[in-house]
């Protein structure tokens, strides 16, 4: 069965695989700035990880913690 996913959306989502590992870890831990969300991540980002950190994390110094539901799959 063929999935009907817009190619431009897919391209934007695949770019997220190029984020610096520590940036991804920061977001998974819920320590990203409160104003960092999907719209900012869908914008073109630098390829260099140090420049990504500057663009995504350093420009927004206010950290926040997200409430994450514990997994019931244990």
PDB file of N, CA and C in Angstrom:
ATOM      1  N   UNK A   1       0.839  -1.173   0.000  1.00  0.00           N
ATOM      2  CA  UNK A   1       0.000   0.000   0.000  1.00  0.00           C
ATOM      3  C   UNK A   1       0.890   1.245   0.000  1.00  0.00           C
ATOM      4  N   UNK A   2       0.563   2.200  -0.791  1.00  0.00           N
ATOM      5  CA  UNK A   2       1.344   3.419  -0.915  1.00  0.00           C
ATOM      6  C   UNK A   2       0.855   4.484   0.064  1.00  0.00           C
ATOM      7  N   UNK A   3       1.818   5.075   0.799  1.00  0.00           N
ATOM      8  CA  UNK A   3       1.482   6.191   1.689  1.00  0.00           C
ATOM      9  C   UNK A   3       1.496   7.460   0.864  1.00  0.00           C
ATOM     10  N   UNK A   4       0.526   8.316   1.088  1.00  0.00           N
ATOM     11  CA  UNK A   4       0.451   9.582   0.350  1.00  0.00           C
ATOM     12  C   UNK A   4       1.000  10.697   1.222  1.00  0.00           C
ATOM     13  N   UNK A   5       2.329  10.835   1.186  1.00  0.00           N
ATOM     14  CA  UNK A   5       3.008  11.859   1.965  1.00  0.00           C
ATOM     15  C   UNK A   5       3.591  12.871   0.984  1.00  0.00           C
ATOM     16  N   UNK A   6       3.334  14.132   1.249  1.00  0.00           N
ATOM     17  CA  UNK A   6       3.859  15.200   0.409  1.00  0.00           C
ATOM     18  C   UNK A   6       5.393  15.167   0.447  1.00  0.00           C
ATOM     19  N   UNK A   7       6.019  15.223  -0.715  1.00  0.00           N
ATOM     20  CA  UNK A   7       7.477  15.137  -0.813  1.00  0.00           C
ATOM     21  C   UNK A   7       8.169  16.280  -0.084  1.00  0.00           C
ATOM     22  N   UNK A   8       7.601  17.469  -0.133  1.00  0.00           N
ATOM     23  CA  UNK A   8       8.232  18.609   0.537  1.00  0.00           C
ATOM     24  C   UNK A   8       8.194  18.424   2.048  1.00  0.00           C
ATOM     25  N   UNK A   9       7.087  17.908   2.590  1.00  0.00           N
ATOM     26  CA  UNK A   9       6.979  17.632   4.023  1.00  0.00           C
ATOM     27  C   UNK A   9       7.983  16.551   4.414  1.00  0.00           C
ATOM     28  N   UNK A  10       8.066  15.507   3.614  1.00  0.00           N
ATOM     29  CA  UNK A  10       8.997  14.425   3.888  1.00  0.00           C
ATOM     30  C   UNK A  10      10.433  14.944   3.906  1.00  0.00           C
ATOM     31  N   UNK A  11      10.764  15.800   2.964  1.00  0.00           N
ATOM     32  CA  UNK A  11      12.106  16.382   2.920  1.00  0.00           C
ATOM     33  C   UNK A  11      12.421  17.182   4.167  1.00  0.00           C
ATOM     34  N   UNK A  12      11.449  17.946   4.645  1.00  0.00           N
ATOM     35  CA  UNK A  12      11.654  18.729   5.867  1.00  0.00           C
ATOM     36  C   UNK A  12      11.837  17.815   7.068  1.00  0.00           C
ATOM     37  N   UNK A  13      11.063  16.759   7.137  1.00  0.00           N
ATOM     38  CA  UNK A  13      11.161  15.837   8.272  1.00  0.00           C
ATOM     39  C   UNK A  13      12.485  15.077   8.248  1.00  0.00           C
ATOM     40  N   UNK A  14      12.945  14.700   7.067  1.00  0.00           N
ATOM     41  CA  UNK A  14      14.210  13.976   6.972  1.00  0.00           C
ATOM     42  C   UNK A  14      15.393  14.835   7.412  1.00  0.00           C
ATOM     43  N   UNK A  15      15.287  16.153   7.263  1.00  0.00           N
ATOM     44  CA  UNK A  15      16.370  17.046   7.718  1.00  0.00           C
ATOM     45  C   UNK A  15      16.600  16.925   9.213  1.00  0.00           C
ATOM     46  N   UNK A  16      15.553  16.538   9.961  1.00  0.00           N
ATOM     47  CA  UNK A  16      15.699  16.403  11.411  1.00  0.00           C
ATOM     48  C   UNK A  16      16.701  15.312  11.777  1.00  0.00           C
ATOM     49  N   UNK A  17      16.952  14.380  10.870  1.00  0.00           N
ATOM     50  CA  UNK A  17      17.935  13.334  11.136  1.00  0.00           C
ATOM     51  C   UNK A  17      19.355  13.887  11.132  1.00  0.00           C
ATOM     52  N   UNK A  18      19.533  15.120  10.683  1.00  0.00           N
ATOM     53  CA  UNK A  18      20.856  15.738  10.608  1.00  0.00           C
ATOM     54  C   UNK A  18      21.155  16.646  11.799  1.00  0.00           C
ATOM     55  N   UNK A  19      20.260  16.666  12.780  1.00  0.00           N
ATOM     56  CA  UNK A  19      20.499  17.484  13.969  1.00  0.00           C
ATOM     57  C   UNK A  19      21.634  16.895  14.797  1.00  0.00           C
ATOM     58  N   UNK A  20      22.374  17.772  15.463  1.00  0.00           N
ATOM     59  CA  UNK A  20      23.457  17.330  16.341  1.00  0.00           C
ATOM     60  C   UNK A  20      22.899  16.407  17.425  1.00  0.00           C
ATOM     61  N   UNK A  21      23.587  15.309  17.714  1.00  0.00           N
ATOM     62  CA  UNK A  21      23.087  14.352  18.706  1.00  0.00           C
ATOM     63  C   UNK A  21      22.788  14.979  20.071  1.00  0.00           C
ATOM     64  N   UNK A  22      23.640  15.890  20.526  1.00  0.00           N
ATOM     65  CA  UNK A  22      23.392  16.499  21.833  1.00  0.00           C
ATOM     66  C   UNK A  22      22.185  17.435  21.798  1.00  0.00           C
ATOM     67  N   UNK A  23      21.889  18.015  20.647  1.00  0.00           N
ATOM     68  CA  UNK A  23      20.687  18.840  20.502  1.00  0.00           C
ATOM     69  C   UNK A  23      19.444  17.966  20.591  1.00  0.00           C
ATOM     70  N   UNK A  24      19.486  16.826  19.942  1.00  0.00           N
ATOM     71  CA  UNK A  24      18.366  15.875  20.012  1.00  0.00           C
ATOM     72  C   UNK A  24      18.177  15.419  21.460  1.00  0.00           C
ATOM     73  N   UNK A  25      19.268  15.103  22.133  1.00  0.00           N
ATOM     74  CA  UNK A  25      19.195  14.663  23.533  1.00  0.00           C
ATOM     75  C   UNK A  25      18.592  15.753  24.419  1.00  0.00           C
ATOM     76  N   UNK A  26      18.981  16.998  24.188  1.00  0.00           N
ATOM     77  CA  UNK A  26      18.422  18.115  24.943  1.00  0.00           C
ATOM     78  C   UNK A  26      16.914  18.177  24.769  1.00  0.00           C
ATOM     79  N   UNK A  27      16.442  17.999  23.543  1.00  0.00           N
ATOM     80  CA  UNK A  27      15.004  18.053  23.276  1.00  0.00           C
ATOM     81  C   UNK A  27      14.288  16.843  23.866  1.00  0.00           C
ATOM     82  N   UNK A  28      14.885  15.652  23.764  1.00  0.00           N
ATOM     83  CA  UNK A  28      14.266  14.458  24.328  1.00  0.00           C
ATOM     84  C   UNK A  28      14.180  14.528  25.850  1.00  0.00           C
ATOM     85  N   UNK A  29      15.151  15.208  26.466  1.00  0.00           N
ATOM     86  CA  UNK A  29      15.143  15.393  27.918  1.00  0.00           C
ATOM     87  C   UNK A  29      14.202  16.519  28.355  1.00  0.00           C
ATOM     88  N   UNK A  30      13.654  17.250  27.378  1.00  0.00           N
ATOM     89  CA  UNK A  30      12.753  18.355  27.702  1.00  0.00           C
ATOM     90  C   UNK A  30      13.472  19.598  28.187  1.00  0.00           C
ATOM     91  N   UNK A  31      14.745  19.748  27.841  1.00  0.00           N
ATOM     92  CA  UNK A  31      15.526  20.901  28.280  1.00  0.00           C
ATOM     93  C   UNK A  31      15.678  21.964  27.195  1.00  0.00           C
ATOM     94  N   UNK A  32      14.914  21.859  26.128  1.00  0.00           N
ATOM     95  CA  UNK A  32      15.003  22.832  25.055  1.00  0.00           C
ATOM     96  C   UNK A  32      14.339  24.142  25.509  1.00  0.00           C
ATOM     97  N   UNK A  33      14.694  25.247  24.860  1.00  0.00           N
ATOM     98  CA  UNK A  33      14.046  26.521  25.177  1.00  0.00           C
ATOM     99  C   UNK A  33      12.537  26.431  24.959  1.00  0.00           C
ATOM    100  N   UNK A  34      11.796  27.173  25.746  1.00  0.00           N
ATOM    101  CA  UNK A  34      10.333  27.092  25.697  1.00  0.00           C
ATOM    102  C   UNK A  34       9.757  27.521  24.354  1.00  0.00           C
ATOM    103  N   UNK A  35      10.463  28.356  23.623  1.00  0.00           N
ATOM    104  CA  UNK A  35       9.929  28.815  22.335  1.00  0.00           C
ATOM    105  C   UNK A  35      10.477  28.029  21.144  1.00  0.00           C
ATOM    106  N   UNK A  36      11.161  26.927  21.414  1.00  0.00           N
ATOM    107  CA  UNK A  36      11.665  26.092  20.325  1.00  0.00           C
ATOM    108  C   UNK A  36      10.653  24.988  20.052  1.00  0.00           C
ATOM    109  N   UNK A  37      10.110  24.987  18.854  1.00  0.00           N
ATOM    110  CA  UNK A  37       9.110  23.995  18.493  1.00  0.00           C
ATOM    111  C   UNK A  37       9.234  23.580  17.045  1.00  0.00           C
ATOM    112  N   UNK A  38       8.232  22.897  16.583  1.00  0.00           N
ATOM    113  CA  UNK A  38       8.232  22.370  15.225  1.00  0.00           C
ATOM    114  C   UNK A  38       8.453  23.450  14.164  1.00  0.00           C
ATOM    115  N   UNK A  39       7.797  24.622  14.276  1.00  0.00           N
ATOM    116  CA  UNK A  39       8.031  25.630  13.220  1.00  0.00           C
ATOM    117  C   UNK A  39       9.504  26.009  13.069  1.00  0.00           C
ATOM    118  N   UNK A  40      10.217  26.157  14.179  1.00  0.00           N
ATOM    119  CA  UNK A  40      11.640  26.512  14.099  1.00  0.00           C
ATOM    120  C   UNK A  40      12.455  25.356  13.528  1.00  0.00           C
ATOM    121  N   UNK A  41      12.076  24.127  13.848  1.00  0.00           N
ATOM    122  CA  UNK A  41      12.819  22.970  13.351  1.00  0.00           C
ATOM    123  C   UNK A  41      12.559  22.701  11.874  1.00  0.00           C
ATOM    124  N   UNK A  42      11.480  23.234  11.337  1.00  0.00           N
ATOM    125  CA  UNK A  42      11.161  23.046   9.921  1.00  0.00           C
ATOM    126  C   UNK A  42      11.886  24.067   9.040  1.00  0.00           C
ATOM    127  N   UNK A  43      12.464  25.091   9.658  1.00  0.00           N
ATOM    128  CA  UNK A  43      13.239  26.075   8.895  1.00  0.00           C
ATOM    129  C   UNK A  43      14.581  25.458   8.501  1.00  0.00           C
ATOM    130  N   UNK A  44      15.180  25.930   7.402  1.00  0.00           N
ATOM    131  CA  UNK A  44      16.512  25.430   7.039  1.00  0.00           C
ATOM    132  C   UNK A  44      17.509  25.689   8.170  1.00  0.00           C
ATOM    133  N   UNK A  45      18.331  24.686   8.467  1.00  0.00           N
ATOM    134  CA  UNK A  45      19.326  24.789   9.527  1.00  0.00           C
ATOM    135  C   UNK A  45      20.718  24.578   8.962  1.00  0.00           C
ATOM    136  N   UNK A  46      21.723  25.143   9.626  1.00  0.00           N
ATOM    137  CA  UNK A  46      23.103  24.920   9.172  1.00  0.00           C
ATOM    138  C   UNK A  46      23.472  23.443   9.279  1.00  0.00           C
ATOM    139  N   UNK A  47      24.389  23.011   8.436  1.00  0.00           N
ATOM    140  CA  UNK A  47      24.853  21.627   8.472  1.00  0.00           C
ATOM    141  C   UNK A  47      25.820  21.407   9.634  1.00  0.00           C
ATOM    142  N   UNK A  48      26.593  22.429   9.974  1.00  0.00           N
ATOM    143  CA  UNK A  48      27.562  22.316  11.069  1.00  0.00           C
ATOM    144  C   UNK A  48      26.836  22.259  12.407  1.00  0.00           C
ATOM    145  N   UNK A  49      27.176  21.260  13.223  1.00  0.00           N
ATOM    146  CA  UNK A  49      26.489  21.082  14.496  1.00  0.00           C
ATOM    147  C   UNK A  49      26.673  22.273  15.426  1.00  0.00           C
ATOM    148  N   UNK A  50      27.862  22.863  15.437  1.00  0.00           N
ATOM    149  CA  UNK A  50      28.095  24.021  16.313  1.00  0.00           C
ATOM    150  C   UNK A  50      27.204  25.195  15.906  1.00  0.00           C
ATOM    151  N   UNK A  51      26.994  25.363  14.615  1.00  0.00           N
ATOM    152  CA  UNK A  51      26.108  26.435  14.138  1.00  0.00           C
ATOM    153  C   UNK A  51      24.649  26.113  14.453  1.00  0.00           C
ATOM    154  N   UNK A  52      24.276  24.837  14.411  1.00  0.00           N
ATOM    155  CA  UNK A  52      22.919  24.447  14.794  1.00  0.00           C
ATOM    156  C   UNK A  52      22.665  24.782  16.259  1.00  0.00           C
ATOM    157  N   UNK A  53      23.636  24.439  17.115  1.00  0.00           N
ATOM    158  CA  UNK A  53      23.488  24.738  18.543  1.00  0.00           C
ATOM    159  C   UNK A  53      23.276  26.232  18.750  1.00  0.00           C
ATOM    160  N   UNK A  54      24.068  27.015  18.061  1.00  0.00           N
ATOM    161  CA  UNK A  54      23.950  28.474  18.176  1.00  0.00           C
ATOM    162  C   UNK A  54      22.569  28.933  17.736  1.00  0.00           C
ATOM    163  N   UNK A  55      22.101  28.420  16.608  1.00  0.00           N
ATOM    164  CA  UNK A  55      20.814  28.854  16.051  1.00  0.00           C
ATOM    165  C   UNK A  55      19.627  28.376  16.887  1.00  0.00           C
ATOM    166  N   UNK A  56      19.695  27.157  17.402  1.00  0.00           N
ATOM    167  CA  UNK A  56      18.532  26.582  18.083  1.00  0.00           C
ATOM    168  C   UNK A  56      18.537  26.763  19.592  1.00  0.00           C
ATOM    169  N   UNK A  57      19.680  26.632  20.219  1.00  0.00           N
ATOM    170  CA  UNK A  57      19.712  26.604  21.674  1.00  0.00           C
ATOM    171  C   UNK A  57      20.254  27.879  22.302  1.00  0.00           C
ATOM    172  N   UNK A  58      21.319  28.424  21.761  1.00  0.00           N
ATOM    173  CA  UNK A  58      21.938  29.594  22.373  1.00  0.00           C
ATOM    174  C   UNK A  58      21.102  30.851  22.234  1.00  0.00           C
ATOM    175  N   UNK A  59      20.355  30.949  21.159  1.00  0.00           N
ATOM    176  CA  UNK A  59      19.559  32.148  20.930  1.00  0.00           C
ATOM    177  C   UNK A  59      18.349  32.212  21.858  1.00  0.00           C
ATOM    178  N   UNK A  60      18.026  31.089  22.503  1.00  0.00           N
ATOM    179  CA  UNK A  60      16.858  31.022  23.377  1.00  0.00           C
ATOM    180  C   UNK A  60      17.309  30.442  24.718  1.00  0.00           C
ATOM    181  N   UNK A  61      17.772  31.286  25.627  1.00  0.00           N
ATOM    182  CA  UNK A  61      18.407  30.766  26.833  1.00  0.00           C
ATOM    183  C   UNK A  61      17.478  30.220  27.914  1.00  0.00           C
ATOM    184  N   UNK A  62      16.158  30.324  27.773  1.00  0.00           N
ATOM    185  CA  UNK A  62      15.251  29.903  28.838  1.00  0.00           C
ATOM    186  C   UNK A  62      14.893  28.432  28.677  1.00  0.00           C
ATOM    187  N   UNK A  63      15.418  27.549  29.548  1.00  0.00           N
ATOM    188  CA  UNK A  63      15.085  26.131  29.427  1.00  0.00           C
ATOM    189  C   UNK A  63      13.700  25.834  29.984  1.00  0.00           C
ATOM    190  N   UNK A  64      13.120  24.745  29.554  1.00  0.00           N
ATOM    191  CA  UNK A  64      11.843  24.306  30.105  1.00  0.00           C
ATOM    192  C   UNK A  64      11.849  22.801  30.203  1.00  0.00           C
ATOM    193  N   UNK A  65      11.018  22.270  31.064  1.00  0.00           N
ATOM    194  CA  UNK A  65      10.864  20.827  31.186  1.00  0.00           C
ATOM    195  C   UNK A  65       9.482  20.466  30.687  1.00  0.00           C
ATOM    196  N   UNK A  66       9.404  19.479  29.822  1.00  0.00           N
ATOM    197  CA  UNK A  66       8.135  18.997  29.335  1.00  0.00           C
ATOM    198  C   UNK A  66       7.679  17.841  30.194  1.00  0.00           C
ATOM    199  N   UNK A  67       6.379  17.745  30.418  1.00  0.00           N
ATOM    200  CA  UNK A  67       5.836  16.603  31.121  1.00  0.00           C
ATOM    201  C   UNK A  67       5.748  15.445  30.133  1.00  0.00           C
ATOM    202  N   UNK A  68       6.368  14.346  30.475  1.00  0.00           N
ATOM    203  CA  UNK A  68       6.370  13.177  29.613  1.00  0.00           C
ATOM    204  C   UNK A  68       5.680  12.044  30.350  1.00  0.00           C
ATOM    205  N   UNK A  69       4.701  11.423  29.691  1.00  0.00           N
ATOM    206  CA  UNK A  69       4.006  10.292  30.285  1.00  0.00           C
ATOM    207  C   UNK A  69       4.955   9.109  30.371  1.00  0.00           C
ATOM    208  N   UNK A  70       4.997   8.438  31.506  1.00  0.00           N
ATOM    209  CA  UNK A  70       5.849   7.236  31.581  1.00  0.00           C
ATOM    210  C   UNK A  70       5.318   6.140  30.680  1.00  0.00           C
ATOM    211  N   UNK A  71       6.223   5.355  30.152  1.00  0.00           N
ATOM    212  CA  UNK A  71       5.834   4.266  29.271  1.00  0.00           C
ATOM    213  C   UNK A  71       5.194   3.134  30.078  1.00  0.00           C
ATOM    214  N   UNK A  72       4.138   2.557  29.540  1.00  0.00           N
ATOM    215  CA  UNK A  72       3.469   1.438  30.192  1.00  0.00           C
ATOM    216  C   UNK A  72       3.946   0.099  29.639  1.00  0.00           C
ATOM    217  N   UNK A  73       4.956   0.144  28.753  1.00  0.00           N
ATOM    218  CA  UNK A  73       5.442  -1.073  28.079  1.00  0.00           C
ATOM    219  C   UNK A  73       6.494  -1.817  28.874  1.00  0.00           C
ATOM    220  N   UNK A  74       6.650  -1.542  30.120  1.00  0.00           N
ATOM    221  CA  UNK A  74       7.736  -2.171  30.903  1.00  0.00           C
ATOM    222  C   UNK A  74       7.396  -3.536  31.327  1.00  0.00           C
TER     223      UNK A  74
END
